[in-house]
Amino acid sequence: MLKSIDKSDQQHHTAETAETMADVRHEVDRIDRILVSLLEERQSFMDAAARIKGNRKAVLDRPRIEDVVSKVKAEAERQGLSPAIAEPVWRTLIDRCIAYEFESFDRLKPGLDNS
């Protein structure tokens, strides 16, 4: 769940109003803290998926991967995020989330369908 925003996470500048590298770095650090919180929330759903899925083979779902990437690319285009950033970042994120989900599945269901 997205954590409450602390005072250091309040936006002070936009990309247009930042005047110094300190301004830029403050905002990048703030955004990174928010991203970490969002990624932790996403990770929690990998635990939920591992708990819900009946067998280990269900963890790797290639059609779902392509569905997620397609949706992300469309949203990235809508919001103006470079596809050269969006697609590789999400493919890496998905890859690491799948690896985490395998670990979670094995931890939650030791010995079950570990092929």
Protein backbone atom coordinates (compact mmCIF):
# COMPACT_ATOMS: atom_id res chain seq x y z
CA MET A 1 0.00 0.00 0.00
CA LEU A 2 1.29 3.45 -0.87
CA LYS A 3 2.83 4.92 2.23
CA SER A 4 1.83 8.36 3.42
CA ILE A 5 3.91 11.12 1.91
CA ASP A 6 6.31 12.66 4.38
CA LYS A 7 7.40 16.28 4.22
CA SER A 8 10.52 15.48 2.22
CA ASP A 9 8.28 13.92 -0.44
CA GLN A 10 6.42 17.12 -1.18
CA GLN A 11 7.10 18.54 -4.61
CA HIS A 12 9.04 21.80 -4.53
CA HIS A 13 9.73 22.21 -8.25
CA THR A 14 8.56 21.07 -11.64
CA ALA A 15 10.97 20.30 -14.46
CA GLU A 16 10.19 23.79 -15.73
CA THR A 17 10.78 25.62 -12.41
CA ALA A 18 13.95 23.80 -11.28
CA GLU A 19 16.85 26.24 -11.47
CA THR A 20 19.76 24.34 -9.93
CA MET A 21 21.07 20.80 -9.90
CA ALA A 22 20.13 20.71 -6.21
CA ASP A 23 16.51 21.37 -7.23
CA VAL A 24 16.68 18.61 -9.84
CA ARG A 25 18.30 16.14 -7.45
CA HIS A 26 15.77 16.90 -4.72
CA GLU A 27 12.91 16.07 -7.10
CA VAL A 28 14.59 12.96 -8.53
CA ASP A 29 15.25 11.67 -5.00
CA ARG A 30 11.62 12.43 -4.05
CA ILE A 31 10.33 10.57 -7.10
CA ASP A 32 12.64 7.62 -6.35
CA ARG A 33 11.18 7.33 -2.83
CA ILE A 34 7.68 7.27 -4.31
CA LEU A 35 8.73 4.67 -6.89
CA VAL A 36 10.19 2.43 -4.16
CA SER A 37 6.90 2.59 -2.28
CA LEU A 38 4.94 1.73 -5.43
CA LEU A 39 7.32 -1.13 -6.26
CA GLU A 40 6.94 -2.53 -2.74
CA GLU A 41 3.18 -2.46 -3.23
CA ARG A 42 3.54 -4.23 -6.61
CA GLN A 43 5.82 -6.82 -4.96
CA SER A 44 3.13 -7.55 -2.36
CA PHE A 45 0.85 -8.64 -5.18
CA MET A 46 3.52 -11.10 -6.36
CA ASP A 47 3.18 -12.70 -2.91
CA ALA A 48 -0.60 -12.75 -3.40
CA ALA A 49 -0.23 -14.33 -6.84
CA ALA A 50 2.11 -16.99 -5.44
CA ARG A 51 -0.41 -17.74 -2.70
CA ILE A 52 -3.34 -17.94 -5.15
CA LYS A 53 -1.74 -19.89 -8.02
CA GLY A 54 -2.21 -23.63 -7.73
CA ASN A 55 1.02 -24.71 -9.34
CA ARG A 56 4.49 -23.35 -9.97
CA LYS A 57 4.13 -23.54 -13.77
CA ALA A 58 1.45 -20.85 -13.58
CA VAL A 59 3.99 -18.30 -12.34
CA LEU A 60 5.48 -17.69 -15.81
CA ASP A 61 2.62 -16.50 -18.02
CA ARG A 62 4.04 -15.22 -21.31
CA PRO A 63 0.73 -13.92 -22.72
CA ARG A 64 0.25 -11.90 -19.51
CA ILE A 65 3.77 -10.46 -19.86
CA GLU A 66 3.01 -9.21 -23.37
CA ASP A 67 -0.37 -7.88 -22.22
CA VAL A 68 1.29 -5.88 -19.43
CA VAL A 69 4.00 -4.53 -21.74
CA SER A 70 1.41 -3.54 -24.34
CA LYS A 71 -0.65 -1.67 -21.75
CA VAL A 72 2.45 0.05 -20.37
CA LYS A 73 3.58 1.13 -23.82
CA ALA A 74 0.16 2.63 -24.54
CA GLU A 75 0.10 4.45 -21.19
CA ALA A 76 3.69 5.64 -21.68
CA GLU A 77 2.76 7.10 -25.05
CA ARG A 78 -0.35 8.75 -23.56
CA GLN A 79 1.73 10.35 -20.79
CA GLY A 80 4.77 11.23 -22.89
CA LEU A 81 7.21 8.69 -21.44
CA SER A 82 9.83 7.60 -23.95
CA PRO A 83 9.24 4.03 -25.18
CA ALA A 84 13.02 3.62 -24.98
CA ILE A 85 12.62 3.95 -21.21
CA ALA A 86 9.20 2.36 -20.66
CA GLU A 87 9.54 -1.00 -22.40
CA PRO A 88 12.98 -2.09 -21.14
CA VAL A 89 12.23 -0.87 -17.63
CA TRP A 90 8.98 -2.83 -17.49
CA ARG A 91 10.46 -5.95 -19.06
CA THR A 92 13.18 -5.90 -16.41
CA LEU A 93 10.61 -5.21 -13.69
CA ILE A 94 8.45 -8.10 -14.87
CA ASP A 95 11.46 -10.42 -15.06
CA ARG A 96 12.50 -9.59 -11.49
CA CYS A 97 8.91 -9.84 -10.24
CA ILE A 98 8.57 -13.29 -11.80
CA ALA A 99 11.82 -14.39 -10.13
CA TYR A 100 10.50 -13.01 -6.82
CA GLU A 101 7.16 -14.78 -7.33
CA PHE A 102 8.94 -18.11 -7.91
CA GLU A 103 10.80 -17.59 -4.62
CA SER A 104 7.57 -16.66 -2.87
CA PHE A 105 5.76 -19.69 -4.33
CA ASP A 106 8.54 -22.01 -3.17
CA ARG A 107 8.54 -20.43 0.29
CA LEU A 108 4.74 -20.64 0.64
CA LYS A 109 4.36 -24.08 -0.93
CA PRO A 110 7.59 -26.02 -0.35
CA GLY A 111 7.81 -29.17 -2.40
CA LEU A 112 4.67 -28.41 -4.43
CA ASP A 113 5.23 -28.70 -8.18
CA ASN A 114 8.82 -27.48 -8.03
CA SER A 115 9.59 -28.59 -11.56
